[in-house]
């Protein structure tokens, strides 16, 4: 059979190649490579797309999370509650400001922060909450916000995988004080290198973030606090502006892929991702669960189908956070998902034929397992 890449960006580039090269040539001719007009233009477009007052473009999603915490004055001695089912950058940002990450478990269906576990984790040292919109599906923000409001805590939405997702009809980022995005090349809205942004409706937060990303300059060569070189370069902004016009169509195509997987695998033994009725997922990843994850992945690989695992080791059990003294079993739902999760190929150009082929292999594996169990009975 024809091989299937986990992610194939070539068809996307073919569709926008001429427009991208023209935009990059224009920047080369202008000589404005760092935080130039292209970044300002993208910021305005992305803020409008996200239905937010301000967008601050940055060099990565990790930087966005870092600056979000700086803008909320989170620091040493503080605690920030988040989930361990995420890319480790969510926790890095908390550590960068000298605070302590506190991990809570996830809901087994939604795979995002379990509000029932959130409130019990709040202490006098808690200064912020970071829910993660994992795999492109929004967290249960109404319940999370109600708890945050009761305790007077700000929310930072980690929307690194959720560009364009909606929760109760609104784009993600509308509930928290700040939302952070990554534009890593594999994302639904991906740059041709590194990139990130934060959005907010708070003008003072936006102003401070813009200062912090540019060495905290109040005026040229005058620095009022510790700052960073977190600026987005003009090439990435130009590429993102071109892609943003197509993002909704690409997300809709991803949703069609997810629906096709769900239809074909509906009666299988695999646990399929839920599509919450209160949300519109953008399906950054299509993740099934099976106790036989490694064996299933090996069979798919032998058949020429690339897969991925997001993520094999939860953050609370990473060696880098051993000093926090979490143990296996502390977050059972998170740990089970890490052991069982398997990300199948999903991108706008993925054909139904290839999805059907992948599903056929998965269903054949289910059939083999049933036959084996029947023989043992």
Protein backbone atom coordinates (compact mmCIF):
# COMPACT_ATOMS: atom_id res chain seq x y z
CA UNK A 1 0.00 0.00 0.00
CA UNK A 2 0.98 3.64 -0.40
CA UNK A 3 2.71 5.02 2.67
CA UNK A 4 0.92 7.61 4.81
CA UNK A 5 2.86 10.34 6.54
CA UNK A 6 1.77 11.41 10.00
CA UNK A 7 1.87 15.02 8.77
CA UNK A 8 2.41 16.06 5.17
CA UNK A 9 2.97 19.81 4.68
CA UNK A 10 3.96 19.60 1.02
CA UNK A 11 0.41 19.83 -0.44
CA UNK A 12 -0.29 22.86 1.74
CA UNK A 13 2.88 24.59 0.54
CA UNK A 14 2.10 23.77 -3.09
CA UNK A 15 -1.22 25.60 -2.72
CA UNK A 16 0.30 28.80 -1.31
CA UNK A 17 3.83 28.71 -2.74
CA UNK A 18 3.56 31.67 -5.12
CA UNK A 19 1.93 33.91 -2.53
CA UNK A 20 4.48 32.99 0.13
CA UNK A 21 7.51 33.58 -2.08
CA UNK A 22 6.16 36.95 -3.21
CA UNK A 23 5.60 38.01 0.41
CA UNK A 24 9.08 36.94 1.49
CA UNK A 25 10.66 38.73 -1.47
CA UNK A 26 8.80 41.90 -0.49
CA UNK A 27 10.26 41.70 3.02
CA UNK A 28 13.76 41.11 1.65
CA UNK A 29 13.42 44.19 -0.51
CA UNK A 30 12.17 46.27 2.42
CA UNK A 31 14.99 45.21 4.75
CA UNK A 32 12.51 45.14 7.68
CA UNK A 33 13.12 41.67 9.04
CA UNK A 34 12.34 41.89 12.78
CA UNK A 35 9.03 43.11 14.19
CA UNK A 36 8.38 44.99 10.97
CA UNK A 37 5.12 45.93 9.22
CA UNK A 38 4.34 42.28 8.45
CA UNK A 39 4.18 41.46 12.18
CA UNK A 40 1.97 44.46 12.92
CA UNK A 41 -0.38 43.43 10.12
CA UNK A 42 -0.54 39.83 11.33
CA UNK A 43 -1.22 40.92 14.91
CA UNK A 44 -4.23 42.94 13.79
CA UNK A 45 -5.58 40.08 11.68
CA UNK A 46 -5.08 37.42 14.36
CA UNK A 47 -6.63 39.57 17.08
CA UNK A 48 -9.67 40.08 14.86
CA UNK A 49 -9.82 36.36 14.05
CA UNK A 50 -9.70 35.46 17.74
CA UNK A 51 -12.31 38.12 18.58
CA UNK A 52 -9.78 39.69 20.96
CA UNK A 53 -8.74 43.26 21.60
CA UNK A 54 -4.99 42.70 21.29
CA UNK A 55 -2.49 40.24 19.82
CA UNK A 56 1.19 40.34 20.76
CA UNK A 57 3.32 38.32 18.33
CA UNK A 58 6.28 36.41 19.74
CA UNK A 59 9.01 33.98 18.78
CA UNK A 60 7.35 30.88 20.29
CA UNK A 61 4.38 29.59 22.23
CA UNK A 62 6.71 28.94 25.17
CA UNK A 63 7.61 32.63 25.23
CA UNK A 64 3.91 33.51 25.12
CA UNK A 65 3.23 31.46 28.26
CA UNK A 66 6.30 32.93 29.97
CA UNK A 67 5.26 36.52 29.26
CA UNK A 68 1.66 35.80 30.26
CA UNK A 69 2.86 34.82 33.72
CA UNK A 70 5.21 37.81 33.90
CA UNK A 71 2.32 40.12 32.98
CA UNK A 72 0.31 38.69 35.88
CA UNK A 73 3.30 39.18 38.24
CA UNK A 74 3.54 35.49 39.11
CA UNK A 75 6.88 34.70 40.70
CA UNK A 76 8.88 32.83 43.35
CA UNK A 77 6.78 31.35 46.13
CA UNK A 78 3.66 31.26 43.95
CA UNK A 79 1.84 28.19 42.65
CA UNK A 80 0.19 27.79 39.26
CA UNK A 81 -2.29 24.98 38.66
CA UNK A 82 -2.20 23.20 35.33
CA UNK A 83 -2.34 19.67 33.88
CA UNK A 84 0.41 17.15 33.30
CA UNK A 85 -1.20 16.00 30.03
CA UNK A 86 0.45 18.64 27.88
CA UNK A 87 3.69 19.46 26.14
CA UNK A 88 6.21 20.32 28.82
CA UNK A 89 6.44 23.97 27.74
CA UNK A 90 3.30 24.65 29.78
CA UNK A 91 5.24 23.76 32.92
CA UNK A 92 8.50 25.35 31.73
CA UNK A 93 6.86 28.77 31.70
CA UNK A 94 5.78 28.37 35.32
CA UNK A 95 9.30 27.36 36.29
CA UNK A 96 10.85 30.23 34.30
CA UNK A 97 9.16 32.78 36.58
CA UNK A 98 10.26 30.89 39.69
CA UNK A 99 6.78 29.58 40.56
CA UNK A 100 5.80 25.97 41.27
CA UNK A 101 3.57 23.98 38.89
CA UNK A 102 0.76 22.10 40.62
CA UNK A 103 -0.67 19.34 38.44
CA UNK A 104 -4.28 18.15 38.52
CA UNK A 105 -5.83 15.23 36.68
CA UNK A 106 -7.92 15.37 33.52
CA UNK A 107 -11.43 14.35 32.62
CA UNK A 108 -11.21 10.89 30.96
CA UNK A 109 -13.57 11.81 28.12
CA UNK A 110 -12.65 15.40 27.34
CA UNK A 111 -8.96 14.87 28.22
CA UNK A 112 -8.66 18.39 29.57
CA UNK A 113 -8.49 19.79 33.11
CA UNK A 114 -11.06 18.16 35.39
CA UNK A 115 -12.84 21.04 37.19
CA UNK A 116 -13.71 18.66 40.04
CA UNK A 117 -9.99 18.24 40.74
CA UNK A 118 -9.16 21.91 40.34
CA UNK A 119 -10.75 23.40 43.44
CA UNK A 120 -9.12 20.99 45.87
CA UNK A 121 -5.70 21.95 44.51
CA UNK A 122 -6.10 25.67 45.26
CA UNK A 123 -4.08 26.99 48.19
CA UNK A 124 -3.14 30.38 49.58
CA UNK A 125 -0.10 30.29 47.27
CA UNK A 126 -2.10 29.73 44.08
CA UNK A 127 -1.75 32.74 41.78
CA UNK A 128 -3.04 31.49 38.39
CA UNK A 129 -4.69 28.59 36.53
CA UNK A 130 -3.55 27.32 33.13
CA UNK A 131 -6.05 24.96 31.46
CA UNK A 132 -4.82 23.36 28.21
CA UNK A 133 -7.05 22.96 25.15
CA UNK A 134 -5.49 19.60 24.37
CA UNK A 135 -5.48 18.19 20.83
CA UNK A 136 -7.62 21.13 19.66
CA UNK A 137 -10.57 20.50 22.00
CA UNK A 138 -11.44 23.32 24.43
CA UNK A 139 -11.33 22.67 28.16
CA UNK A 140 -14.55 22.98 30.16
CA UNK A 141 -14.04 26.70 30.65
CA UNK A 142 -17.37 27.65 32.27
CA UNK A 143 -16.73 25.45 35.30
CA UNK A 144 -13.06 26.39 35.45
CA UNK A 145 -13.91 30.10 35.33
CA UNK A 146 -16.55 29.75 38.04
CA UNK A 147 -13.95 28.21 40.36
CA UNK A 148 -11.33 30.79 39.40
CA UNK A 149 -13.75 33.65 40.05
CA UNK A 150 -14.68 32.28 43.46
CA UNK A 151 -11.03 32.40 44.44
CA UNK A 152 -10.10 35.58 42.58
CA UNK A 153 -7.62 33.79 40.31
CA UNK A 154 -6.66 34.74 36.74
CA UNK A 155 -6.79 32.18 33.92
CA UNK A 156 -4.22 31.77 31.16
CA UNK A 157 -5.56 29.58 28.35
CA UNK A 158 -2.93 27.37 26.73
CA UNK A 159 -4.35 27.33 23.22
CA UNK A 160 -1.17 26.13 21.52
CA UNK A 161 -3.13 23.35 19.76
CA UNK A 162 -6.47 25.11 19.37
CA UNK A 163 -6.24 27.84 16.73
CA UNK A 164 -9.83 28.66 15.74
CA UNK A 165 -11.53 26.29 18.20
CA UNK A 166 -14.77 27.51 19.76
CA UNK A 167 -16.26 27.04 23.19
CA UNK A 168 -19.98 27.81 23.49
CA UNK A 169 -19.82 29.67 20.19
CA UNK A 170 -16.83 31.86 21.03
CA UNK A 171 -13.23 31.45 19.97
CA UNK A 172 -10.96 30.05 22.65
CA UNK A 173 -9.22 32.82 24.54
CA UNK A 174 -12.38 34.67 25.50
CA UNK A 175 -12.61 33.28 29.04
CA UNK A 176 -9.09 33.79 30.38
CA UNK A 177 -7.29 37.07 30.93
CA UNK A 178 -4.71 35.85 28.42
CA UNK A 179 -4.55 33.06 25.84
CA UNK A 180 -1.31 31.73 24.38
CA UNK A 181 -0.71 30.21 20.95
CA UNK A 182 2.16 28.36 19.30
CA UNK A 183 2.82 28.61 15.57
CA UNK A 184 5.24 25.70 15.43
CA UNK A 185 5.21 24.32 11.86
CA UNK A 186 3.08 21.28 12.72
CA UNK A 187 0.27 23.36 14.24
CA UNK A 188 -3.05 24.02 12.45
CA UNK A 189 -1.70 27.53 11.89
CA UNK A 190 2.02 26.90 11.54
CA UNK A 191 4.92 29.15 10.65
CA UNK A 192 7.93 28.16 8.58
CA UNK A 193 10.02 28.16 11.73
CA UNK A 194 9.22 29.16 15.30
CA UNK A 195 6.47 31.58 16.30
CA UNK A 196 3.91 32.32 18.98
CA UNK A 197 1.47 34.94 20.24
CA UNK A 198 -0.64 35.93 23.18
CA UNK A 199 -4.06 37.54 22.95
CA UNK A 200 -5.85 39.59 25.57
CA UNK A 201 -8.61 42.13 26.00
CA UNK A 202 -6.58 43.94 28.66
CA UNK A 203 -4.73 46.91 27.17
CA UNK A 204 -2.24 47.16 30.05
CA UNK A 205 -1.30 43.48 29.69
CA UNK A 206 -0.79 43.92 25.94
CA UNK A 207 1.40 46.98 26.46
CA UNK A 208 3.57 45.26 29.02
CA UNK A 209 3.93 42.13 26.89
CA UNK A 210 5.04 44.25 23.92
CA UNK A 211 7.64 45.90 26.11
CA UNK A 212 8.89 42.64 27.65
CA UNK A 213 9.32 40.94 24.26
CA UNK A 214 11.62 43.78 23.12
CA UNK A 215 14.09 43.91 26.02
CA UNK A 216 11.56 45.81 28.20
CA UNK A 217 12.35 49.08 26.48
CA UNK A 218 10.15 51.98 27.57
CA UNK A 219 12.08 54.08 25.04
CA UNK A 220 15.00 53.03 22.86
CA UNK A 221 17.88 51.89 25.07
CA UNK A 222 15.93 52.61 28.27
CA UNK A 223 14.96 49.46 30.20
CA UNK A 224 12.64 49.61 33.20
CA UNK A 225 12.70 45.90 34.12
CA UNK A 226 14.17 42.58 33.04
CA UNK A 227 13.15 41.95 29.44
CA UNK A 228 13.66 39.40 26.69
CA UNK A 229 14.35 39.10 22.99
CA UNK A 230 11.07 37.36 22.12
CA UNK A 231 10.21 39.20 18.91
CA UNK A 232 8.65 37.50 15.91
CA UNK A 233 10.54 37.90 12.66
CA UNK A 234 8.79 39.33 9.62
CA UNK A 235 9.13 36.16 7.52
CA UNK A 236 7.05 34.16 10.00
CA UNK A 237 4.43 36.89 10.28
CA UNK A 238 4.06 37.03 6.50
CA UNK A 239 3.63 33.27 6.22
CA UNK A 240 1.11 33.22 9.08
CA UNK A 241 -0.90 36.05 7.54
CA UNK A 242 -1.21 34.09 4.30
CA UNK A 243 -2.20 30.90 6.09
CA UNK A 244 -4.68 32.62 8.41
CA UNK A 245 -6.99 33.36 5.46
CA UNK A 246 -7.32 29.62 4.89
CA UNK A 247 -7.39 28.41 8.50
CA UNK A 248 -11.16 27.97 8.83
CA UNK A 249 -11.29 25.92 5.63
CA UNK A 250 -8.37 23.80 6.77
CA UNK A 251 -9.97 23.24 10.18
CA UNK A 252 -13.22 22.22 8.50
CA UNK A 253 -11.29 19.68 6.41
CA UNK A 254 -9.71 18.31 9.59
CA UNK A 255 -13.17 17.96 11.12
CA UNK A 256 -14.25 15.94 8.07
CA UNK A 257 -11.24 13.65 8.53
CA UNK A 258 -12.14 13.18 12.20
CA UNK A 259 -15.74 12.40 11.32
CA UNK A 260 -14.62 9.80 8.79
CA UNK A 261 -12.37 8.11 11.35
CA UNK A 262 -15.23 8.14 13.88
CA UNK A 263 -17.66 6.57 11.40
CA UNK A 264 -15.29 3.79 10.35
CA UNK A 265 -14.07 2.97 13.87
CA UNK A 266 -17.40 3.40 15.67
CA UNK A 267 -17.85 -0.30 16.50
CA UNK A 268 -14.22 -1.05 17.26
CA UNK A 269 -12.62 -1.67 20.65
CA UNK A 270 -10.61 1.56 20.44
CA UNK A 271 -11.59 4.47 22.63
CA UNK A 272 -12.24 7.35 20.24
CA UNK A 273 -11.92 11.08 21.00
CA UNK A 274 -15.12 12.81 22.02
CA UNK A 275 -16.48 15.87 20.24
CA UNK A 276 -18.09 17.83 23.11
CA UNK A 277 -21.47 19.33 22.19
CA UNK A 278 -20.47 22.66 23.77
CA UNK A 279 -17.37 22.99 21.60
CA UNK A 280 -15.96 23.00 18.08
CA UNK A 281 -12.69 21.11 18.12
CA UNK A 282 -10.14 21.91 15.44
CA UNK A 283 -8.66 18.40 15.61
CA UNK A 284 -4.99 19.27 15.88
CA UNK A 285 -4.56 15.59 16.74
CA UNK A 286 -6.86 12.61 16.29
CA UNK A 287 -6.01 10.42 19.27
CA UNK A 288 -7.38 6.95 19.88
CA UNK A 289 -6.71 4.91 23.03
CA UNK A 290 -5.80 1.25 23.31
CA UNK A 291 -3.95 -0.81 25.94
CA UNK A 292 -2.12 -2.37 22.98
CA UNK A 293 -0.80 1.00 21.80
CA UNK A 294 2.78 -0.03 21.07
CA UNK A 295 1.76 -3.19 19.21
CA UNK A 296 -0.87 -1.32 17.17
CA UNK A 297 1.64 1.39 16.34
CA UNK A 298 4.18 -1.21 15.21
CA UNK A 299 1.66 -2.89 12.89
CA UNK A 300 0.68 0.45 11.37
CA UNK A 301 4.33 1.37 10.89
CA UNK A 302 5.02 -1.94 9.15
CA UNK A 303 2.12 -1.12 6.82
CA UNK A 304 3.65 2.26 5.99
CA UNK A 305 1.44 4.39 8.24
CA UNK A 306 3.25 6.91 10.40
CA UNK A 307 1.76 7.70 13.81
CA UNK A 308 2.77 9.73 16.86
CA UNK A 309 2.35 9.64 20.63
CA UNK A 310 1.23 12.82 22.39
CA UNK A 311 2.55 12.25 25.06
CA UNK A 312 4.35 9.10 26.31
CA UNK A 313 5.40 10.46 29.73
CA UNK A 314 3.25 12.96 31.65
CA UNK A 315 4.94 16.10 32.89
CA UNK A 316 4.59 15.26 36.59
CA UNK A 317 6.68 12.09 36.08
CA UNK A 318 9.40 13.74 33.98
CA UNK A 319 12.90 13.67 35.48
CA UNK A 320 13.07 17.46 35.26
CA UNK A 321 10.26 17.68 37.84
CA UNK A 322 11.38 14.90 40.16
CA UNK A 323 11.98 17.53 42.84
CA UNK A 324 8.20 18.01 43.12
CA UNK A 325 7.93 14.40 44.40
CA UNK A 326 4.98 13.25 42.30
CA UNK A 327 4.65 9.47 42.10
CA UNK A 328 3.11 7.05 39.59
CA UNK A 329 -0.58 6.78 40.44
CA UNK A 330 -0.95 10.41 41.58
CA UNK A 331 -2.76 11.35 38.36
CA UNK A 332 -4.28 8.05 37.20
CA UNK A 333 -6.38 9.34 34.29
CA UNK A 334 -3.46 11.29 32.88
CA UNK A 335 -1.10 8.35 33.27
CA UNK A 336 -3.50 5.92 31.59
CA UNK A 337 -3.94 8.25 28.63
CA UNK A 338 -0.16 8.55 28.26
CA UNK A 339 0.12 4.76 28.20
CA UNK A 340 -2.76 4.22 25.74
CA UNK A 341 -2.77 7.26 23.42
CA UNK A 342 -1.99 6.97 19.72
CA UNK A 343 -2.19 9.90 17.31
CA UNK A 344 -3.36 8.94 13.83
CA UNK A 345 -2.53 10.99 10.72
CA UNK A 346 -4.79 14.02 10.32
CA UNK A 347 -4.32 17.07 8.12
CA UNK A 348 -6.57 18.92 5.65
CA UNK A 349 -5.27 17.16 2.55
CA UNK A 350 -5.52 13.62 3.97
CA UNK A 351 -7.76 11.65 1.63
CA UNK A 352 -10.73 9.52 2.68
CA UNK A 353 -9.07 6.63 0.85
CA UNK A 354 -6.03 6.81 3.14
CA UNK A 355 -8.23 7.16 6.22
CA UNK A 356 -10.16 4.09 5.12
CA UNK A 357 -6.93 2.17 4.68
CA UNK A 358 -5.75 3.13 8.17
CA UNK A 359 -9.14 2.19 9.64
CA UNK A 360 -9.07 -1.17 7.85
CA UNK A 361 -5.75 -2.04 9.45
CA UNK A 362 -7.05 -1.02 12.87
CA UNK A 363 -10.26 -3.02 12.43
CA UNK A 364 -8.33 -6.08 11.29
CA UNK A 365 -6.26 -5.84 14.47
CA UNK A 366 -9.49 -5.73 16.50
CA UNK A 367 -10.74 -8.81 14.68
CA UNK A 368 -7.55 -10.72 15.38
CA UNK A 369 -7.78 -9.85 19.07
CA UNK A 370 -11.43 -11.01 19.25
CA UNK A 371 -10.57 -14.28 17.52
CA UNK A 372 -7.67 -14.83 19.92
CA UNK A 373 -9.91 -14.17 22.93
CA UNK A 374 -12.57 -16.57 21.59
CA UNK A 375 -9.99 -19.33 21.23
CA UNK A 376 -8.92 -18.83 24.84
CA UNK A 377 -12.49 -19.06 26.18
